[in-house]
All heavy atoms as atom14 arrays in JSON, in Angstrom:
{
  "sequence": "ENDSGEFIPGIKGIKTLRLPVFISTCHEKEYISKES",
  "atom14_mask": [
    [1, 1, 1, 1, 1, 1, 1, 1, 1, 0, 0, 0, 0, 0],
    [1, 1, 1, 1, 1, 1, 1, 1, 0, 0, 0, 0, 0, 0],
    [1, 1, 1, 1, 1, 1, 1, 1, 0, 0, 0, 0, 0, 0],
    [1, 1, 1, 1, 1, 1, 0, 0, 0, 0, 0, 0, 0, 0],
    [1, 1, 1, 1, 0, 0, 0, 0, 0, 0, 0, 0, 0, 0],
    [1, 1, 1, 1, 1, 1, 1, 1, 1, 0, 0, 0, 0, 0],
    [1, 1, 1, 1, 1, 1, 1, 1, 1, 1, 1, 0, 0, 0],
    [1, 1, 1, 1, 1, 1, 1, 1, 0, 0, 0, 0, 0, 0],
    [1, 1, 1, 1, 1, 1, 1, 0, 0, 0, 0, 0, 0, 0],
    [1, 1, 1, 1, 0, 0, 0, 0, 0, 0, 0, 0, 0, 0],
    [1, 1, 1, 1, 1, 1, 1, 1, 0, 0, 0, 0, 0, 0],
    [1, 1, 1, 1, 1, 1, 1, 1, 1, 0, 0, 0, 0, 0],
    [1, 1, 1, 1, 0, 0, 0, 0, 0, 0, 0, 0, 0, 0],
    [1, 1, 1, 1, 1, 1, 1, 1, 0, 0, 0, 0, 0, 0],
    [1, 1, 1, 1, 1, 1, 1, 1, 1, 0, 0, 0, 0, 0],
    [1, 1, 1, 1, 1, 1, 1, 0, 0, 0, 0, 0, 0, 0],
    [1, 1, 1, 1, 1, 1, 1, 1, 0, 0, 0, 0, 0, 0],
    [1, 1, 1, 1, 1, 1, 1, 1, 1, 1, 1, 0, 0, 0],
    [1, 1, 1, 1, 1, 1, 1, 1, 0, 0, 0, 0, 0, 0],
    [1, 1, 1, 1, 1, 1, 1, 0, 0, 0, 0, 0, 0, 0],
    [1, 1, 1, 1, 1, 1, 1, 0, 0, 0, 0, 0, 0, 0],
    [1, 1, 1, 1, 1, 1, 1, 1, 1, 1, 1, 0, 0, 0],
    [1, 1, 1, 1, 1, 1, 1, 1, 0, 0, 0, 0, 0, 0],
    [1, 1, 1, 1, 1, 1, 0, 0, 0, 0, 0, 0, 0, 0],
    [1, 1, 1, 1, 1, 1, 1, 0, 0, 0, 0, 0, 0, 0],
    [1, 1, 1, 1, 1, 1, 0, 0, 0, 0, 0, 0, 0, 0],
    [1, 1, 1, 1, 1, 1, 1, 1, 1, 1, 0, 0, 0, 0],
    [1, 1, 1, 1, 1, 1, 1, 1, 1, 0, 0, 0, 0, 0],
    [1, 1, 1, 1, 1, 1, 1, 1, 1, 0, 0, 0, 0, 0],
    [1, 1, 1, 1, 1, 1, 1, 1, 1, 0, 0, 0, 0, 0],
    [1, 1, 1, 1, 1, 1, 1, 1, 1, 1, 1, 1, 0, 0],
    [1, 1, 1, 1, 1, 1, 1, 1, 0, 0, 0, 0, 0, 0],
    [1, 1, 1, 1, 1, 1, 0, 0, 0, 0, 0, 0, 0, 0],
    [1, 1, 1, 1, 1, 1, 1, 1, 1, 0, 0, 0, 0, 0],
    [1, 1, 1, 1, 1, 1, 1, 1, 1, 0, 0, 0, 0, 0],
    [1, 1, 1, 1, 1, 1, 0, 0, 0, 0, 0, 0, 0, 0]
  ],
  "atom14_positions": [
    [[-3.15, 19.42, 19.85], [-3.86, 18.99, 18.65], [-3.28, 19.61, 17.4], [-3.22, 18.97, 16.34], [-5.34, 19.35, 18.78], [-6.18, 18.86, 17.6], [-7.65, 19.17, 17.79], [-8.03, 19.62, 18.89], [-8.41, 18.96, 16.83], [0.0, 0.0, 0.0], [0.0, 0.0, 0.0], [0.0, 0.0, 0.0], [0.0, 0.0, 0.0], [0.0, 0.0, 0.0]],
    [[-2.82, 20.85, 17.52], [-2.3, 21.57, 16.35], [-0.78, 21.64, 16.33], [-0.2, 22.31, 15.48], [-2.88, 22.98, 16.3], [-4.39, 22.97, 16.16], [-4.95, 22.19, 15.41], [-5.05, 23.87, 16.9], [0.0, 0.0, 0.0], [0.0, 0.0, 0.0], [0.0, 0.0, 0.0], [0.0, 0.0, 0.0], [0.0, 0.0, 0.0], [0.0, 0.0, 0.0]],
    [[-0.14, 20.99, 17.29], [1.32, 21.04, 17.38], [1.85, 19.62, 17.32], [1.94, 18.92, 18.33], [1.74, 21.72, 18.69], [3.25, 22.0, 18.72], [3.91, 21.81, 17.68], [3.75, 22.4, 19.78], [0.0, 0.0, 0.0], [0.0, 0.0, 0.0], [0.0, 0.0, 0.0], [0.0, 0.0, 0.0], [0.0, 0.0, 0.0], [0.0, 0.0, 0.0]],
    [[2.17, 19.16, 16.12], [2.64, 17.78, 15.93], [3.56, 17.72, 14.73], [3.7, 18.68, 13.97], [1.45, 16.84, 15.74], [0.74, 17.19, 14.56], [0.0, 0.0, 0.0], [0.0, 0.0, 0.0], [0.0, 0.0, 0.0], [0.0, 0.0, 0.0], [0.0, 0.0, 0.0], [0.0, 0.0, 0.0], [0.0, 0.0, 0.0], [0.0, 0.0, 0.0]],
    [[4.21, 16.61, 14.57], [5.12, 16.45, 13.44], [5.67, 15.04, 13.38], [5.37, 14.19, 14.21], [0.0, 0.0, 0.0], [0.0, 0.0, 0.0], [0.0, 0.0, 0.0], [0.0, 0.0, 0.0], [0.0, 0.0, 0.0], [0.0, 0.0, 0.0], [0.0, 0.0, 0.0], [0.0, 0.0, 0.0], [0.0, 0.0, 0.0], [0.0, 0.0, 0.0]],
    [[6.49, 14.79, 12.39], [7.07, 13.47, 12.21], [8.17, 13.24, 13.25], [9.01, 14.11, 13.49], [7.65, 13.34, 10.79], [8.13, 11.94, 10.45], [8.65, 11.86, 9.02], [8.75, 12.91, 8.36], [8.98, 10.74, 8.59], [0.0, 0.0, 0.0], [0.0, 0.0, 0.0], [0.0, 0.0, 0.0], [0.0, 0.0, 0.0], [0.0, 0.0, 0.0]],
    [[8.15, 12.09, 13.9], [9.14, 11.76, 14.93], [10.32, 11.05, 14.27], [10.24, 9.89, 13.88], [8.51, 10.87, 16.0], [9.48, 10.5, 17.09], [9.89, 11.45, 18.02], [9.98, 9.2, 17.19], [10.77, 11.11, 19.04], [10.87, 8.86, 18.2], [11.26, 9.82, 19.12], [0.0, 0.0, 0.0], [0.0, 0.0, 0.0], [0.0, 0.0, 0.0]],
    [[11.45, 11.79, 14.14], [12.65, 11.23, 13.51], [13.85, 11.51, 14.41], [14.46, 12.57, 14.33], [12.88, 11.84, 12.11], [11.65, 11.67, 11.24], [14.09, 11.19, 11.45], [11.78, 12.27, 9.86], [0.0, 0.0, 0.0], [0.0, 0.0, 0.0], [0.0, 0.0, 0.0], [0.0, 0.0, 0.0], [0.0, 0.0, 0.0], [0.0, 0.0, 0.0]],
    [[14.18, 10.61, 15.3], [15.36, 10.81, 16.17], [16.65, 10.71, 15.37], [16.89, 9.74, 14.66], [15.24, 9.66, 17.18], [14.45, 8.61, 16.47], [13.51, 9.34, 15.57], [0.0, 0.0, 0.0], [0.0, 0.0, 0.0], [0.0, 0.0, 0.0], [0.0, 0.0, 0.0], [0.0, 0.0, 0.0], [0.0, 0.0, 0.0], [0.0, 0.0, 0.0]],
    [[17.46, 11.73, 15.44], [18.7, 11.73, 14.69], [18.46, 12.18, 13.26], [17.51, 12.89, 12.95], [0.0, 0.0, 0.0], [0.0, 0.0, 0.0], [0.0, 0.0, 0.0], [0.0, 0.0, 0.0], [0.0, 0.0, 0.0], [0.0, 0.0, 0.0], [0.0, 0.0, 0.0], [0.0, 0.0, 0.0], [0.0, 0.0, 0.0], [0.0, 0.0, 0.0]],
    [[19.31, 11.75, 12.38], [19.22, 12.12, 10.97], [19.07, 10.86, 10.14], [19.81, 9.89, 10.32], [20.49, 12.88, 10.52], [20.66, 14.16, 11.38], [20.42, 13.24, 9.04], [21.94, 14.89, 11.08], [0.0, 0.0, 0.0], [0.0, 0.0, 0.0], [0.0, 0.0, 0.0], [0.0, 0.0, 0.0], [0.0, 0.0, 0.0], [0.0, 0.0, 0.0]],
    [[18.13, 10.93, 9.22], [17.92, 9.76, 8.38], [19.14, 9.56, 7.47], [19.55, 10.46, 6.75], [16.66, 9.92, 7.53], [15.37, 9.83, 8.32], [14.2, 9.45, 7.44], [13.84, 10.54, 6.47], [12.59, 10.22, 5.73], [0.0, 0.0, 0.0], [0.0, 0.0, 0.0], [0.0, 0.0, 0.0], [0.0, 0.0, 0.0], [0.0, 0.0, 0.0]],
    [[19.7, 8.36, 7.53], [20.86, 8.06, 6.72], [20.48, 7.26, 5.48], [19.31, 7.04, 5.2], [0.0, 0.0, 0.0], [0.0, 0.0, 0.0], [0.0, 0.0, 0.0], [0.0, 0.0, 0.0], [0.0, 0.0, 0.0], [0.0, 0.0, 0.0], [0.0, 0.0, 0.0], [0.0, 0.0, 0.0], [0.0, 0.0, 0.0], [0.0, 0.0, 0.0]],
    [[21.49, 6.85, 4.76], [21.27, 6.06, 3.57], [21.17, 4.59, 3.96], [22.01, 4.07, 4.69], [22.42, 6.25, 2.56], [22.52, 7.72, 2.16], [22.22, 5.37, 1.32], [23.7, 8.03, 1.25], [0.0, 0.0, 0.0], [0.0, 0.0, 0.0], [0.0, 0.0, 0.0], [0.0, 0.0, 0.0], [0.0, 0.0, 0.0], [0.0, 0.0, 0.0]],
    [[20.16, 3.93, 3.49], [19.95, 2.53, 3.86], [20.87, 1.65, 3.01], [20.48, 1.07, 2.01], [18.5, 2.13, 3.66], [17.51, 3.01, 4.41], [16.09, 2.6, 4.11], [15.09, 3.55, 4.75], [13.7, 3.2, 4.48], [0.0, 0.0, 0.0], [0.0, 0.0, 0.0], [0.0, 0.0, 0.0], [0.0, 0.0, 0.0], [0.0, 0.0, 0.0]],
    [[22.13, 1.59, 3.43], [23.09, 0.82, 2.66], [23.05, -0.66, 3.01], [23.35, -1.51, 2.19], [24.51, 1.34, 2.91], [24.76, 1.33, 4.33], [24.66, 2.76, 2.4], [0.0, 0.0, 0.0], [0.0, 0.0, 0.0], [0.0, 0.0, 0.0], [0.0, 0.0, 0.0], [0.0, 0.0, 0.0], [0.0, 0.0, 0.0], [0.0, 0.0, 0.0]],
    [[22.7, -0.98, 4.23], [22.63, -2.37, 4.66], [21.24, -2.64, 5.18], [20.79, -2.03, 6.13], [23.66, -2.65, 5.78], [23.58, -4.03, 6.43], [23.86, -5.12, 5.4], [24.55, -4.14, 7.59], [0.0, 0.0, 0.0], [0.0, 0.0, 0.0], [0.0, 0.0, 0.0], [0.0, 0.0, 0.0], [0.0, 0.0, 0.0], [0.0, 0.0, 0.0]],
    [[20.56, -3.56, 4.53], [19.2, -3.84, 4.97], [18.92, -5.32, 4.83], [18.7, -5.83, 3.73], [18.19, -3.03, 4.18], [16.78, -3.17, 4.74], [15.99, -1.92, 4.49], [14.76, -1.94, 5.26], [13.93, -0.94, 5.35], [14.21, 0.18, 4.74], [12.84, -1.02, 6.07], [0.0, 0.0, 0.0], [0.0, 0.0, 0.0], [0.0, 0.0, 0.0]],
    [[18.97, -6.01, 5.94], [18.63, -7.42, 5.94], [17.13, -7.56, 5.77], [16.38, -6.61, 5.97], [19.07, -8.06, 7.27], [20.56, -7.94, 7.59], [20.83, -8.54, 8.95], [21.42, -8.61, 6.53], [0.0, 0.0, 0.0], [0.0, 0.0, 0.0], [0.0, 0.0, 0.0], [0.0, 0.0, 0.0], [0.0, 0.0, 0.0], [0.0, 0.0, 0.0]],
    [[16.65, -8.75, 5.36], [15.2, -8.93, 5.22], [14.46, -8.63, 6.52], [14.66, -9.31, 7.53], [15.06, -10.4, 4.83], [16.37, -10.76, 4.22], [17.39, -9.95, 4.98], [0.0, 0.0, 0.0], [0.0, 0.0, 0.0], [0.0, 0.0, 0.0], [0.0, 0.0, 0.0], [0.0, 0.0, 0.0], [0.0, 0.0, 0.0], [0.0, 0.0, 0.0]],
    [[13.66, -7.59, 6.52], [12.92, -7.2, 7.71], [11.45, -7.08, 7.32], [11.11, -6.49, 6.3], [13.41, -5.85, 8.26], [12.55, -5.41, 9.44], [14.86, -5.97, 8.69], [0.0, 0.0, 0.0], [0.0, 0.0, 0.0], [0.0, 0.0, 0.0], [0.0, 0.0, 0.0], [0.0, 0.0, 0.0], [0.0, 0.0, 0.0], [0.0, 0.0, 0.0]],
    [[10.59, -7.64, 8.12], [9.17, -7.57, 7.85], [8.5, -6.84, 8.99], [8.27, -7.4, 10.06], [8.59, -8.98, 7.68], [9.25, -9.74, 6.56], [10.29, -10.61, 6.82], [8.84, -9.55, 5.25], [10.9, -11.3, 5.78], [9.43, -10.24, 4.22], [10.48, -11.11, 4.48], [0.0, 0.0, 0.0], [0.0, 0.0, 0.0], [0.0, 0.0, 0.0]],
    [[8.24, -5.57, 8.79], [7.62, -4.74, 9.81], [6.16, -4.56, 9.45], [5.84, -4.08, 8.38], [8.31, -3.37, 9.91], [9.78, -3.56, 10.32], [7.59, -2.47, 10.9], [10.56, -2.27, 10.34], [0.0, 0.0, 0.0], [0.0, 0.0, 0.0], [0.0, 0.0, 0.0], [0.0, 0.0, 0.0], [0.0, 0.0, 0.0], [0.0, 0.0, 0.0]],
    [[5.28, -4.95, 10.31], [3.86, -4.79, 10.03], [3.12, -4.46, 11.31], [2.74, -5.33, 12.06], [3.29, -6.06, 9.4], [1.94, -5.87, 9.1], [0.0, 0.0, 0.0], [0.0, 0.0, 0.0], [0.0, 0.0, 0.0], [0.0, 0.0, 0.0], [0.0, 0.0, 0.0], [0.0, 0.0, 0.0], [0.0, 0.0, 0.0], [0.0, 0.0, 0.0]],
    [[2.99, -3.19, 11.58], [2.13, -2.77, 12.67], [0.81, -2.39, 12.04], [0.62, -2.55, 10.86], [2.75, -1.56, 13.4], [2.98, -0.54, 12.43], [4.06, -1.94, 14.06], [0.0, 0.0, 0.0], [0.0, 0.0, 0.0], [0.0, 0.0, 0.0], [0.0, 0.0, 0.0], [0.0, 0.0, 0.0], [0.0, 0.0, 0.0], [0.0, 0.0, 0.0]],
    [[-0.11, -1.87, 12.8], [-1.37, -1.51, 12.18], [-2.0, -0.33, 12.91], [-1.68, -0.05, 14.05], [-2.33, -2.68, 12.14], [-3.06, -3.05, 13.72], [0.0, 0.0, 0.0], [0.0, 0.0, 0.0], [0.0, 0.0, 0.0], [0.0, 0.0, 0.0], [0.0, 0.0, 0.0], [0.0, 0.0, 0.0], [0.0, 0.0, 0.0], [0.0, 0.0, 0.0]],
    [[-2.87, 0.33, 12.19], [-3.59, 1.45, 12.74], [-4.55, 0.95, 13.82], [-5.06, -0.16, 13.75], [-4.38, 2.13, 11.61], [-4.82, 3.51, 11.96], [-5.96, 3.74, 12.7], [-4.32, 4.73, 11.67], [-6.13, 5.04, 12.84], [-5.15, 5.66, 12.23], [0.0, 0.0, 0.0], [0.0, 0.0, 0.0], [0.0, 0.0, 0.0], [0.0, 0.0, 0.0]],
    [[-4.8, 1.8, 14.83], [-5.66, 1.35, 15.93], [-7.06, 0.98, 15.48], [-7.75, 0.2, 16.13], [-5.73, 2.42, 17.03], [-6.11, 3.81, 16.54], [-4.9, 4.68, 16.26], [-3.88, 4.16, 15.78], [-4.96, 5.89, 16.52], [0.0, 0.0, 0.0], [0.0, 0.0, 0.0], [0.0, 0.0, 0.0], [0.0, 0.0, 0.0], [0.0, 0.0, 0.0]],
    [[-7.49, 1.51, 14.32], [-8.81, 1.15, 13.82], [-8.91, -0.32, 13.45], [-9.99, -0.87, 13.35], [-9.14, 2.0, 12.59], [-9.65, 3.4, 12.9], [-10.12, 4.06, 11.62], [-10.77, 5.41, 11.93], [-11.26, 6.07, 10.7], [0.0, 0.0, 0.0], [0.0, 0.0, 0.0], [0.0, 0.0, 0.0], [0.0, 0.0, 0.0], [0.0, 0.0, 0.0]],
    [[-7.75, -0.97, 13.21], [-7.77, -2.36, 12.8], [-8.05, -3.31, 13.97], [-8.33, -4.48, 13.77], [-6.45, -2.74, 12.12], [-6.1, -1.9, 10.92], [-7.17, -1.96, 9.84], [-7.91, -2.96, 9.78], [-7.28, -1.0, 9.06], [0.0, 0.0, 0.0], [0.0, 0.0, 0.0], [0.0, 0.0, 0.0], [0.0, 0.0, 0.0], [0.0, 0.0, 0.0]],
    [[-7.92, -2.83, 15.19], [-8.24, -3.67, 16.34], [-9.75, -3.71, 16.54], [-10.47, -2.8, 16.16], [-7.58, -3.12, 17.62], [-6.09, -3.31, 17.65], [-5.24, -2.3, 17.2], [-5.53, -4.47, 18.15], [-3.87, -2.47, 17.22], [-4.16, -4.65, 18.18], [-3.34, -3.64, 17.72], [-1.98, -3.81, 17.74], [0.0, 0.0, 0.0], [0.0, 0.0, 0.0]],
    [[-10.2, -4.81, 17.13], [-11.63, -4.92, 17.42], [-12.01, -3.85, 18.44], [-11.4, -3.75, 19.5], [-11.97, -6.32, 17.95], [-11.73, -7.36, 16.85], [-13.41, -6.39, 18.42], [-11.98, -8.78, 17.29], [0.0, 0.0, 0.0], [0.0, 0.0, 0.0], [0.0, 0.0, 0.0], [0.0, 0.0, 0.0], [0.0, 0.0, 0.0], [0.0, 0.0, 0.0]],
    [[-13.01, -3.07, 18.13], [-13.41, -1.96, 18.98], [-14.27, -2.45, 20.15], [-14.73, -3.6, 20.18], [-14.2, -0.93, 18.17], [-15.41, -1.51, 17.71], [0.0, 0.0, 0.0], [0.0, 0.0, 0.0], [0.0, 0.0, 0.0], [0.0, 0.0, 0.0], [0.0, 0.0, 0.0], [0.0, 0.0, 0.0], [0.0, 0.0, 0.0], [0.0, 0.0, 0.0]],
    [[-14.51, -1.55, 21.1], [-15.38, -1.87, 22.23], [-16.78, -2.22, 21.73], [-17.41, -3.17, 22.23], [-15.44, -0.68, 23.19], [-16.31, -0.91, 24.42], [-16.29, 0.31, 25.33], [-17.18, 0.09, 26.55], [-17.17, 1.27, 27.46], [0.0, 0.0, 0.0], [0.0, 0.0, 0.0], [0.0, 0.0, 0.0], [0.0, 0.0, 0.0], [0.0, 0.0, 0.0]],
    [[-17.23, -1.49, 20.75], [-18.55, -1.76, 20.17], [-18.59, -3.14, 19.54], [-19.57, -3.88, 19.68], [-18.88, -0.69, 19.13], [-20.24, -0.88, 18.48], [-20.52, 0.18, 17.42], [-19.71, 1.12, 17.28], [-21.55, 0.07, 16.72], [0.0, 0.0, 0.0], [0.0, 0.0, 0.0], [0.0, 0.0, 0.0], [0.0, 0.0, 0.0], [0.0, 0.0, 0.0]],
    [[-17.5, -3.5, 18.83], [-17.44, -4.81, 18.19], [-17.45, -5.92, 19.22], [-18.12, -6.96, 19.05], [-16.19, -4.92, 17.31], [-16.23, -3.99, 16.25], [0.0, 0.0, 0.0], [0.0, 0.0, 0.0], [0.0, 0.0, 0.0], [0.0, 0.0, 0.0], [0.0, 0.0, 0.0], [0.0, 0.0, 0.0], [0.0, 0.0, 0.0], [0.0, 0.0, 0.0]]
  ]
}
């Protein structure tokens, strides 16, 4: 619980080439819950 951090495999490089990408995930709260 107290031992966590950002997951970054490798080294972040410069985004020199970036084709149109649409990434849209969502937080688990956005899913319909068991109660719902």
